[in-house]
C-alpha atoms as a PDB file:
ATOM      1  CA  MET A   1      -6.398  53.551 -75.109  1.00  0.00           C
ATOM      2  CA  SER A   2      -7.657  50.330 -73.834  1.00  0.00           C
ATOM      3  CA  ARG A   3      -4.153  49.394 -72.981  1.00  0.00           C
ATOM      4  CA  ALA A   4      -3.680  52.604 -70.977  1.00  0.00           C
ATOM      5  CA  PHE A   5      -6.993  52.044 -69.266  1.00  0.00           C
ATOM      6  CA  LEU A   6      -5.985  48.504 -68.341  1.00  0.00           C
ATOM      7  CA  VAL A   7      -2.653  49.683 -66.895  1.00  0.00           C
ATOM      8  CA  ALA A   8      -4.415  52.466 -64.982  1.00  0.00           C
ATOM      9  CA  ALA A   9      -6.974  49.981 -63.609  1.00  0.00           C
ATOM     10  CA  VAL A  10      -4.257  47.571 -62.455  1.00  0.00           C
ATOM     11  CA  VAL A  11      -2.316  50.409 -60.775  1.00  0.00           C
ATOM     12  CA  ALA A  12      -5.493  51.742 -59.132  1.00  0.00           C
ATOM     13  CA  CYS A  13      -6.452  48.303 -57.837  1.00  0.00           C
ATOM     14  CA  SER A  14      -3.028  47.575 -56.509  1.00  0.00           C
ATOM     15  CA  CYS A  15      -2.728  50.941 -54.764  1.00  0.00           C
ATOM     16  CA  SER A  16      -6.079  50.952 -53.094  1.00  0.00           C
ATOM     17  CA  SER A  17      -6.480  48.297 -50.480  1.00  0.00           C
ATOM     18  CA  PRO A  18      -9.738  46.848 -49.339  1.00  0.00           C
ATOM     19  CA  GLN A  19     -10.729  47.442 -45.753  1.00  0.00           C
ATOM     20  CA  ARG A  20      -9.276  44.817 -43.474  1.00  0.00           C
ATOM     21  CA  GLU A  21     -10.317  43.656 -40.055  1.00  0.00           C
ATOM     22  CA  PRO A  22      -7.906  44.776 -37.352  1.00  0.00           C
ATOM     23  CA  VAL A  23      -5.387  42.090 -36.602  1.00  0.00           C
ATOM     24  CA  ALA A  24      -4.756  41.210 -32.979  1.00  0.00           C
ATOM     25  CA  PRO A  25      -1.119  41.319 -31.980  1.00  0.00           C
ATOM     26  CA  ALA A  26       0.577  37.946 -31.759  1.00  0.00           C
ATOM     27  CA  PRO A  27       0.531  36.553 -28.233  1.00  0.00           C
ATOM     28  CA  ALA A  28       3.728  37.073 -26.327  1.00  0.00           C
ATOM     29  CA  VAL A  29       5.895  33.995 -26.263  1.00  0.00           C
ATOM     30  CA  ALA A  30       6.636  32.917 -22.724  1.00  0.00           C
ATOM     31  CA  PRO A  31      10.318  32.553 -22.017  1.00  0.00           C
ATOM     32  CA  ALA A  32      11.495  28.965 -21.902  1.00  0.00           C
ATOM     33  CA  ALA A  33      11.382  27.591 -18.390  1.00  0.00           C
ATOM     34  CA  ALA A  34      14.708  26.832 -16.795  1.00  0.00           C
ATOM     35  CA  PRO A  35      15.459  23.117 -16.907  1.00  0.00           C
ATOM     36  CA  VAL A  36      14.330  21.355 -13.769  1.00  0.00           C
ATOM     37  CA  ALA A  37      16.939  19.126 -12.228  1.00  0.00           C
ATOM     38  CA  ALA A  38      15.686  15.578 -12.131  1.00  0.00           C
ATOM     39  CA  ILE A  39      15.286  14.144  -8.655  1.00  0.00           C
ATOM     40  CA  ASP A  40      17.711  11.264  -8.182  1.00  0.00           C
ATOM     41  CA  PRO A  41      15.806   8.682  -6.107  1.00  0.00           C
ATOM     42  CA  HIS A  42      19.046   6.786  -5.471  1.00  0.00           C
ATOM     43  CA  ALA A  43      20.668   9.883  -3.962  1.00  0.00           C
ATOM     44  CA  THR A  44      17.527  10.453  -1.899  1.00  0.00           C
ATOM     45  CA  THR A  45      17.835   6.956  -0.409  1.00  0.00           C
ATOM     46  CA  VAL A  46      21.508   7.543   0.446  1.00  0.00           C
ATOM     47  CA  ASP A  47      20.646  10.880   2.059  1.00  0.00           C
ATOM     48  CA  HIS A  48      17.897   9.278   4.172  1.00  0.00           C
ATOM     49  CA  LEU A  49      20.274   6.558   5.367  1.00  0.00           C
ATOM     50  CA  ALA A  50      22.333   8.993   7.476  1.00  0.00           C
ATOM     51  CA  GLY A  51      21.703   8.513  11.187  1.00  0.00           C
ATOM     52  CA  VAL A  52      21.710   5.954  13.976  1.00  0.00           C
ATOM     53  CA  TRP A  53      19.915   2.645  13.439  1.00  0.00           C
ATOM     54  CA  VAL A  54      19.171  -0.124  15.962  1.00  0.00           C
ATOM     55  CA  GLY A  55      17.502  -3.493  15.496  1.00  0.00           C
ATOM     56  CA  LYS A  56      18.401  -7.025  14.539  1.00  0.00           C
ATOM     57  CA  ALA A  57      20.112  -9.019  11.852  1.00  0.00           C
ATOM     58  CA  ILE A  58      18.043 -11.988  10.759  1.00  0.00           C
ATOM     59  CA  GLY A  59      18.987 -15.104   8.836  1.00  0.00           C
ATOM     60  CA  THR A  60      22.731 -14.455   8.684  1.00  0.00           C
ATOM     61  CA  PRO A  61      25.255 -17.292   8.401  1.00  0.00           C
ATOM     62  CA  TYR A  62      25.946 -16.601  12.112  1.00  0.00           C
ATOM     63  CA  GLY A  63      22.316 -16.644  13.175  1.00  0.00           C
ATOM     64  CA  ASP A  64      20.175 -13.767  14.356  1.00  0.00           C
ATOM     65  CA  PHE A  65      21.690 -11.058  16.551  1.00  0.00           C
ATOM     66  CA  PRO A  66      21.010  -7.522  17.772  1.00  0.00           C
ATOM     67  CA  MET A  67      22.875  -4.749  16.005  1.00  0.00           C
ATOM     68  CA  ALA A  68      23.403  -1.007  15.952  1.00  0.00           C
ATOM     69  CA  ILE A  69      25.091   1.104  13.288  1.00  0.00           C
ATOM     70  CA  GLU A  70      25.531   4.768  12.585  1.00  0.00           C
ATOM     71  CA  PHE A  71      25.729   6.027   9.011  1.00  0.00           C
ATOM     72  CA  ALA A  72      27.650   9.278   9.198  1.00  0.00           C
ATOM     73  CA  PRO A  73      28.015  11.728   6.303  1.00  0.00           C
ATOM     74  CA  VAL A  74      31.474  11.810   4.715  1.00  0.00           C
ATOM     75  CA  ALA A  75      33.035  13.908   1.957  1.00  0.00           C
ATOM     76  CA  GLY A  76      31.290  14.017  -1.391  1.00  0.00           C
ATOM     77  CA  GLY A  77      27.784  13.289  -0.105  1.00  0.00           C
ATOM     78  CA  ALA A  78      28.420   9.657   0.887  1.00  0.00           C
ATOM     79  CA  VAL A  79      27.465   8.016   4.185  1.00  0.00           C
ATOM     80  CA  HIS A  80      29.657   5.491   6.000  1.00  0.00           C
ATOM     81  CA  GLY A  81      28.809   2.838   8.577  1.00  0.00           C
ATOM     82  CA  HIS A  82      30.919   0.225  10.354  1.00  0.00           C
ATOM     83  CA  LEU A  83      29.896  -2.829  12.423  1.00  0.00           C
ATOM     84  CA  GLU A  84      32.557  -4.636  14.399  1.00  0.00           C
ATOM     85  CA  ALA A  85      31.698  -7.881  16.199  1.00  0.00           C
ATOM     86  CA  ALA A  86      35.288  -8.625  17.232  1.00  0.00           C
ATOM     87  CA  PRO A  87      38.774  -7.664  16.073  1.00  0.00           C
ATOM     88  CA  GLY A  88      39.048  -8.664  12.424  1.00  0.00           C
ATOM     89  CA  ASN A  89      35.332  -9.515  12.251  1.00  0.00           C
ATOM     90  CA  TYR A  90      33.492  -6.549  10.760  1.00  0.00           C
ATOM     91  CA  LEU A  91      31.233  -5.142   8.078  1.00  0.00           C
ATOM     92  CA  ASP A  92      31.972  -1.762   6.523  1.00  0.00           C
ATOM     93  CA  PHE A  93      29.655   0.145   4.187  1.00  0.00           C
ATOM     94  CA  THR A  94      30.095   3.352   2.194  1.00  0.00           C
ATOM     95  CA  PHE A  95      27.002   4.403   0.273  1.00  0.00           C
ATOM     96  CA  ASP A  96      27.776   7.019  -2.335  1.00  0.00           C
ATOM     97  CA  HIS A  97      25.358   8.500  -4.864  1.00  0.00           C
ATOM     98  CA  ASP A  98      26.826   6.293  -7.607  1.00  0.00           C
ATOM     99  CA  LYS A  99      27.994   3.175  -5.760  1.00  0.00           C
ATOM    100  CA  LEU A 100      28.025   1.105  -2.590  1.00  0.00           C
ATOM    101  CA  VAL A 101      31.364  -0.218  -1.385  1.00  0.00           C
ATOM    102  CA  GLU A 102      30.976  -2.947   1.181  1.00  0.00           C
ATOM    103  CA  GLU A 103      33.729  -4.836   2.911  1.00  0.00           C
ATOM    104  CA  GLY A 104      33.431  -7.733   5.278  1.00  0.00           C
ATOM    105  CA  ALA A 105      36.037  -9.601   7.272  1.00  0.00           C
ATOM    106  CA  VAL A 106      35.814 -12.907   9.104  1.00  0.00           C
ATOM    107  CA  PRO A 107      39.033 -14.139  10.751  1.00  0.00           C
ATOM    108  CA  SER A 108      38.838 -17.664   9.330  1.00  0.00           C
ATOM    109  CA  LEU A 109      37.714 -16.531   5.859  1.00  0.00           C
ATOM    110  CA  GLY A 110      39.598 -13.291   5.176  1.00  0.00           C
ATOM    111  CA  VAL A 111      38.383 -10.006   3.732  1.00  0.00           C
ATOM    112  CA  GLN A 112      35.979  -9.518   0.840  1.00  0.00           C
ATOM    113  CA  THR A 113      35.236  -6.205  -0.839  1.00  0.00           C
ATOM    114  CA  HIS A 114      32.448  -5.549  -3.327  1.00  0.00           C
ATOM    115  CA  THR A 115      31.638  -2.398  -5.282  1.00  0.00           C
ATOM    116  CA  LEU A 116      27.970  -2.424  -6.182  1.00  0.00           C
ATOM    117  CA  ARG A 117      26.325  -0.071  -8.686  1.00  0.00           C
ATOM    118  CA  PRO A 118      22.807   1.356  -8.512  1.00  0.00           C
ATOM    119  CA  ALA A 119      20.193  -0.960  -9.935  1.00  0.00           C
ATOM    120  CA  GLY A 120      17.192   1.109  -8.883  1.00  0.00           C
ATOM    121  CA  PRO A 121      16.338   3.872  -6.407  1.00  0.00           C
ATOM    122  CA  ASP A 122      17.078   1.721  -3.357  1.00  0.00           C
ATOM    123  CA  HIS A 123      18.954  -1.160  -4.932  1.00  0.00           C
ATOM    124  CA  TRP A 124      22.644  -1.911  -5.631  1.00  0.00           C
ATOM    125  CA  ARG A 125      24.284  -4.942  -7.223  1.00  0.00           C
ATOM    126  CA  ASP A 126      27.369  -6.487  -8.750  1.00  0.00           C
ATOM    127  CA  ASP A 127      27.880  -9.947 -10.267  1.00  0.00           C
ATOM    128  CA  THR A 128      27.604 -11.652  -6.873  1.00  0.00           C
ATOM    129  CA  VAL A 129      25.930  -9.415  -4.293  1.00  0.00           C
ATOM    130  CA  ASP A 130      22.549  -7.697  -4.398  1.00  0.00           C
ATOM    131  CA  VAL A 131      21.509  -5.134  -1.742  1.00  0.00           C
ATOM    132  CA  ASP A 132      17.978  -3.808  -1.363  1.00  0.00           C
ATOM    133  CA  LEU A 133      17.200  -1.003   1.115  1.00  0.00           C
ATOM    134  CA  ARG A 134      13.686   0.054   2.031  1.00  0.00           C
ATOM    135  CA  ILE A 135      13.444   3.147   4.202  1.00  0.00           C
ATOM    136  CA  THR A 136       9.937   4.011   5.294  1.00  0.00           C
ATOM    137  CA  GLY A 137       9.812   6.832   7.809  1.00  0.00           C
ATOM    138  CA  ASP A 138      12.089   5.697  10.629  1.00  0.00           C
ATOM    139  CA  ALA A 139      12.187   2.026   9.593  1.00  0.00           C
ATOM    140  CA  LEU A 140      14.903   0.410   7.489  1.00  0.00           C
ATOM    141  CA  VAL A 141      14.706  -3.071   6.002  1.00  0.00           C
ATOM    142  CA  TRP A 142      17.964  -4.080   4.338  1.00  0.00           C
ATOM    143  CA  THR A 143      18.153  -7.369   2.467  1.00  0.00           C
ATOM    144  CA  THR A 144      21.418  -8.710   1.081  1.00  0.00           C
ATOM    145  CA  SER A 145      21.452 -11.622  -1.360  1.00  0.00           C
ATOM    146  CA  VAL A 146      24.526 -13.525  -2.529  1.00  0.00           C
ATOM    147  CA  ARG A 147      24.282 -15.392  -5.830  1.00  0.00           C
ATOM    148  CA  GLY A 148      20.508 -14.999  -5.783  1.00  0.00           C
ATOM    149  CA  LYS A 149      19.937 -16.359  -2.240  1.00  0.00           C
ATOM    150  CA  THR A 150      19.072 -14.230   0.784  1.00  0.00           C
ATOM    151  CA  HIS A 151      22.211 -13.873   2.897  1.00  0.00           C
ATOM    152  CA  SER A 152      20.917 -11.529   5.612  1.00  0.00           C
ATOM    153  CA  ARG A 153      18.133  -9.164   6.490  1.00  0.00           C
ATOM    154  CA  PHE A 154      18.543  -6.194   8.809  1.00  0.00           C
ATOM    155  CA  GLU A 155      15.380  -4.788  10.393  1.00  0.00           C
ATOM    156  CA  LEU A 156      16.301  -1.480  11.983  1.00  0.00           C
ATOM    157  CA  ALA A 157      14.666   1.576  13.533  1.00  0.00           C
ATOM    158  CA  ARG A 158      16.125   5.074  13.407  1.00  0.00           C
ATOM    159  CA  LYS A 159      17.061   6.529  16.778  1.00  0.00           C
ATOM    160  CA  THR A 160      17.208  10.275  17.387  1.00  0.00           C
ATOM    161  CA  GLY A 161      17.910  12.633  20.265  1.00  0.00           C
ATOM    162  CA  ASP A 162      19.042  11.093  23.556  1.00  0.00           C
ATOM    163  CA  GLU A 163      18.536   7.549  22.248  1.00  0.00           C
ATOM    164  CA  ALA A 164      20.901   8.203  19.336  1.00  0.00           C
ATOM    165  CA  ILE A 165      23.493   9.731  21.670  1.00  0.00           C
ATOM    166  CA  ALA A 166      23.332   6.680  23.961  1.00  0.00           C
ATOM    167  CA  VAL A 167      23.754   4.306  20.991  1.00  0.00           C
ATOM    168  CA  ARG A 168      26.740   6.296  19.642  1.00  0.00           C
ATOM    169  CA  GLN A 169      28.380   6.145  23.071  1.00  0.00           C
ATOM    170  CA  ALA A 170      27.771   2.379  23.337  1.00  0.00           C
ATOM    171  CA  ILE A 171      29.293   1.828  19.865  1.00  0.00           C
ATOM    172  CA  ALA A 172      32.340   3.950  20.815  1.00  0.00           C
ATOM    173  CA  ARG A 173      32.840   2.024  24.103  1.00  0.00           C
ATOM    174  CA  ARG A 174      32.569  -1.302  22.285  1.00  0.00           C
ATOM    175  CA  ASN A 175      35.097  -0.241  19.633  1.00  0.00           C
ATOM    176  CA  GLN A 176      37.527   1.101  22.291  1.00  0.00           C
ATOM    177  CA  SER A 177      37.469  -2.173  24.198  1.00  0.00           C
ATOM    178  CA  ARG A 178      38.929  -4.048  21.250  1.00  0.00           C
END
């Protein structure tokens, strides 16, 4: 009998449950946020370079001189600019989001081309050439170093509206006269 009582007590205890506090439902899990595309500061610099710039080149091997250049958008998100001092004497720049291709020609020295890779948000370099661009509002300071020594510094201001149109026309006339 004691055995039957024990079995009955175990069954009774297991079937009857003590009163429990109400359990709050689990909080809803928020859906995972969509991944946010990282802002590419290098691409931002390239994008801000587009436009007409006027100012001076300082400390070049040919001395200081006034200059104007337009960086125009080209396919693939790049911008391209070309400076021509005389036939066969030019600088050509294509800034892409993953490289800078610069070419320079001097009649007595020939043509040199460098492909520089990003080395920071506003910095490109290869084994020989180092380019640093600082765009602040409508001001551009562009420093080029060759083998660790400053080669040139361009201090330029962005031109817009009628001023930009006049500069574009002057560049076109100069290039046509060659």
